[in-house]
C-alpha cells in the first residue's frame, strides 16, 4: 500500500482469524459512511466473515464492491517455523 501511495493510517483493523469475529468487524467497517474500497484478509475464514457482513448490509459483491478470486497460498509448516 505504501509503495502505491495509498495511506493506511486509521484504515487498518485487526480481527481474529475466525469468520464469526471477522463478520462482526466487517459489520463495523462496512456500515460506516467511509466504506473502504477493498479489504485484505489473512485467512479464508476472515474473508467469509467479511463477505457475509457485506451481504447482510446489501453491498453488491462483486457489483459495487469487487471480490477477486481466492488468492490463498499454501505454506509449509516446516518453513514457517524457522
C-alpha atoms as a PDB file:
ATOM      1  CA  UNK A   1       0.000   0.000   0.000  1.00  0.00           C
ATOM      2  CA  UNK A   2       2.823   2.341   0.892  1.00  0.00           C
ATOM      3  CA  UNK A   3       4.568   1.722  -2.430  1.00  0.00           C
ATOM      4  CA  UNK A   4       1.340   2.521  -4.262  1.00  0.00           C
ATOM      5  CA  UNK A   5       0.977   5.760  -2.313  1.00  0.00           C
ATOM      6  CA  UNK A   6      -2.212   4.619  -0.599  1.00  0.00           C
ATOM      7  CA  UNK A   7      -2.409   5.812   3.019  1.00  0.00           C
ATOM      8  CA  UNK A   8      -3.404   3.220   5.617  1.00  0.00           C
ATOM      9  CA  UNK A   9      -3.494   5.347   8.753  1.00  0.00           C
ATOM     10  CA  UNK A  10      -6.776   4.767  10.519  1.00  0.00           C
ATOM     11  CA  UNK A  11      -7.674   2.140   7.930  1.00  0.00           C
ATOM     12  CA  UNK A  12      -6.057  -0.972   9.395  1.00  0.00           C
ATOM     13  CA  UNK A  13      -8.274  -3.198  11.511  1.00  0.00           C
ATOM     14  CA  UNK A  14      -7.408  -6.344  13.382  1.00  0.00           C
ATOM     15  CA  UNK A  15      -9.788  -9.265  13.598  1.00  0.00           C
ATOM     16  CA  UNK A  16      -9.374 -12.758  14.996  1.00  0.00           C
ATOM     17  CA  UNK A  17      -8.747 -15.428  12.388  1.00  0.00           C
ATOM     18  CA  UNK A  18     -12.266 -16.852  12.503  1.00  0.00           C
ATOM     19  CA  UNK A  19     -15.265 -15.985  10.350  1.00  0.00           C
ATOM     20  CA  UNK A  20     -17.552 -15.072  13.240  1.00  0.00           C
ATOM     21  CA  UNK A  21     -15.401 -12.317  14.692  1.00  0.00           C
ATOM     22  CA  UNK A  22     -14.361 -11.135  11.223  1.00  0.00           C
ATOM     23  CA  UNK A  23     -18.074 -10.830  10.443  1.00  0.00           C
ATOM     24  CA  UNK A  24     -18.552  -8.557  13.462  1.00  0.00           C
ATOM     25  CA  UNK A  25     -15.558  -6.424  12.475  1.00  0.00           C
ATOM     26  CA  UNK A  26     -16.871  -6.366   8.902  1.00  0.00           C
ATOM     27  CA  UNK A  27     -20.247  -5.048  10.013  1.00  0.00           C
ATOM     28  CA  UNK A  28     -18.471  -2.204  11.765  1.00  0.00           C
ATOM     29  CA  UNK A  29     -16.187  -1.134   8.942  1.00  0.00           C
ATOM     30  CA  UNK A  30     -18.649  -1.692   6.100  1.00  0.00           C
ATOM     31  CA  UNK A  31     -21.628   0.041   7.676  1.00  0.00           C
ATOM     32  CA  UNK A  32     -19.848   3.343   8.236  1.00  0.00           C
ATOM     33  CA  UNK A  33     -20.017   6.368   5.943  1.00  0.00           C
ATOM     34  CA  UNK A  34     -16.400   5.938   4.810  1.00  0.00           C
ATOM     35  CA  UNK A  35     -16.600   2.369   3.487  1.00  0.00           C
ATOM     36  CA  UNK A  36     -13.226   1.024   2.330  1.00  0.00           C
ATOM     37  CA  UNK A  37     -12.811   0.265  -1.385  1.00  0.00           C
ATOM     38  CA  UNK A  38     -11.066  -3.013  -0.560  1.00  0.00           C
ATOM     39  CA  UNK A  39     -10.486  -5.419   2.307  1.00  0.00           C
ATOM     40  CA  UNK A  40      -7.463  -7.676   2.643  1.00  0.00           C
ATOM     41  CA  UNK A  41      -7.888 -10.762   4.815  1.00  0.00           C
ATOM     42  CA  UNK A  42      -5.251 -13.044   6.297  1.00  0.00           C
ATOM     43  CA  UNK A  43      -7.381 -16.186   6.159  1.00  0.00           C
ATOM     44  CA  UNK A  44     -10.215 -17.639   4.122  1.00  0.00           C
ATOM     45  CA  UNK A  45     -12.347 -17.675   7.266  1.00  0.00           C
ATOM     46  CA  UNK A  46     -11.875 -13.930   7.669  1.00  0.00           C
ATOM     47  CA  UNK A  47     -12.876 -13.398   4.041  1.00  0.00           C
ATOM     48  CA  UNK A  48     -16.011 -15.493   4.544  1.00  0.00           C
ATOM     49  CA  UNK A  49     -16.948 -13.373   7.555  1.00  0.00           C
ATOM     50  CA  UNK A  50     -16.375 -10.111   5.681  1.00  0.00           C
ATOM     51  CA  UNK A  51     -18.398 -11.306   2.681  1.00  0.00           C
ATOM     52  CA  UNK A  52     -21.229 -12.372   4.980  1.00  0.00           C
ATOM     53  CA  UNK A  53     -21.266  -8.887   6.524  1.00  0.00           C
ATOM     54  CA  UNK A  54     -21.287  -7.305   3.052  1.00  0.00           C
ATOM     55  CA  UNK A  55     -24.205  -9.488   2.002  1.00  0.00           C
ATOM     56  CA  UNK A  56     -26.143  -8.615   5.153  1.00  0.00           C
ATOM     57  CA  UNK A  57     -25.543  -4.910   4.508  1.00  0.00           C
ATOM     58  CA  UNK A  58     -26.751  -5.391   0.918  1.00  0.00           C
ATOM     59  CA  UNK A  59     -23.401  -4.440  -0.581  1.00  0.00           C
ATOM     60  CA  UNK A  60     -23.376  -5.796  -4.105  1.00  0.00           C
ATOM     61  CA  UNK A  61     -20.318  -8.036  -4.344  1.00  0.00           C
ATOM     62  CA  UNK A  62     -18.852  -8.056  -6.970  1.00  0.00           C
ATOM     63  CA  UNK A  63     -21.069  -5.302  -8.450  1.00  0.00           C
ATOM     64  CA  UNK A  64     -20.273  -2.234  -6.355  1.00  0.00           C
ATOM     65  CA  UNK A  65     -17.540  -3.918  -4.369  1.00  0.00           C
ATOM     66  CA  UNK A  66     -15.079  -6.195  -6.120  1.00  0.00           C
ATOM     67  CA  UNK A  67     -14.177  -9.650  -4.906  1.00  0.00           C
ATOM     68  CA  UNK A  68     -11.302 -11.251  -6.801  1.00  0.00           C
ATOM     69  CA  UNK A  69     -10.941 -14.985  -6.876  1.00  0.00           C
ATOM     70  CA  UNK A  70      -9.359 -16.519  -3.837  1.00  0.00           C
ATOM     71  CA  UNK A  71      -5.633 -15.990  -3.788  1.00  0.00           C
ATOM     72  CA  UNK A  72      -4.932 -18.206  -0.821  1.00  0.00           C
ATOM     73  CA  UNK A  73      -1.421 -19.575  -0.795  1.00  0.00           C
ATOM     74  CA  UNK A  74      -0.221 -22.667   0.951  1.00  0.00           C
ATOM     75  CA  UNK A  75       2.894 -22.588   3.082  1.00  0.00           C
ATOM     76  CA  UNK A  76       4.721 -25.496   4.509  1.00  0.00           C
ATOM     77  CA  UNK A  77       4.640 -25.511   8.273  1.00  0.00           C
ATOM     78  CA  UNK A  78       8.267 -26.562   8.470  1.00  0.00           C
ATOM     79  CA  UNK A  79       9.307 -23.422   6.611  1.00  0.00           C
ATOM     80  CA  UNK A  80       7.062 -21.169   8.666  1.00  0.00           C
ATOM     81  CA  UNK A  81       8.501 -22.354  11.960  1.00  0.00           C
ATOM     82  CA  UNK A  82      12.046 -21.321  11.114  1.00  0.00           C
END
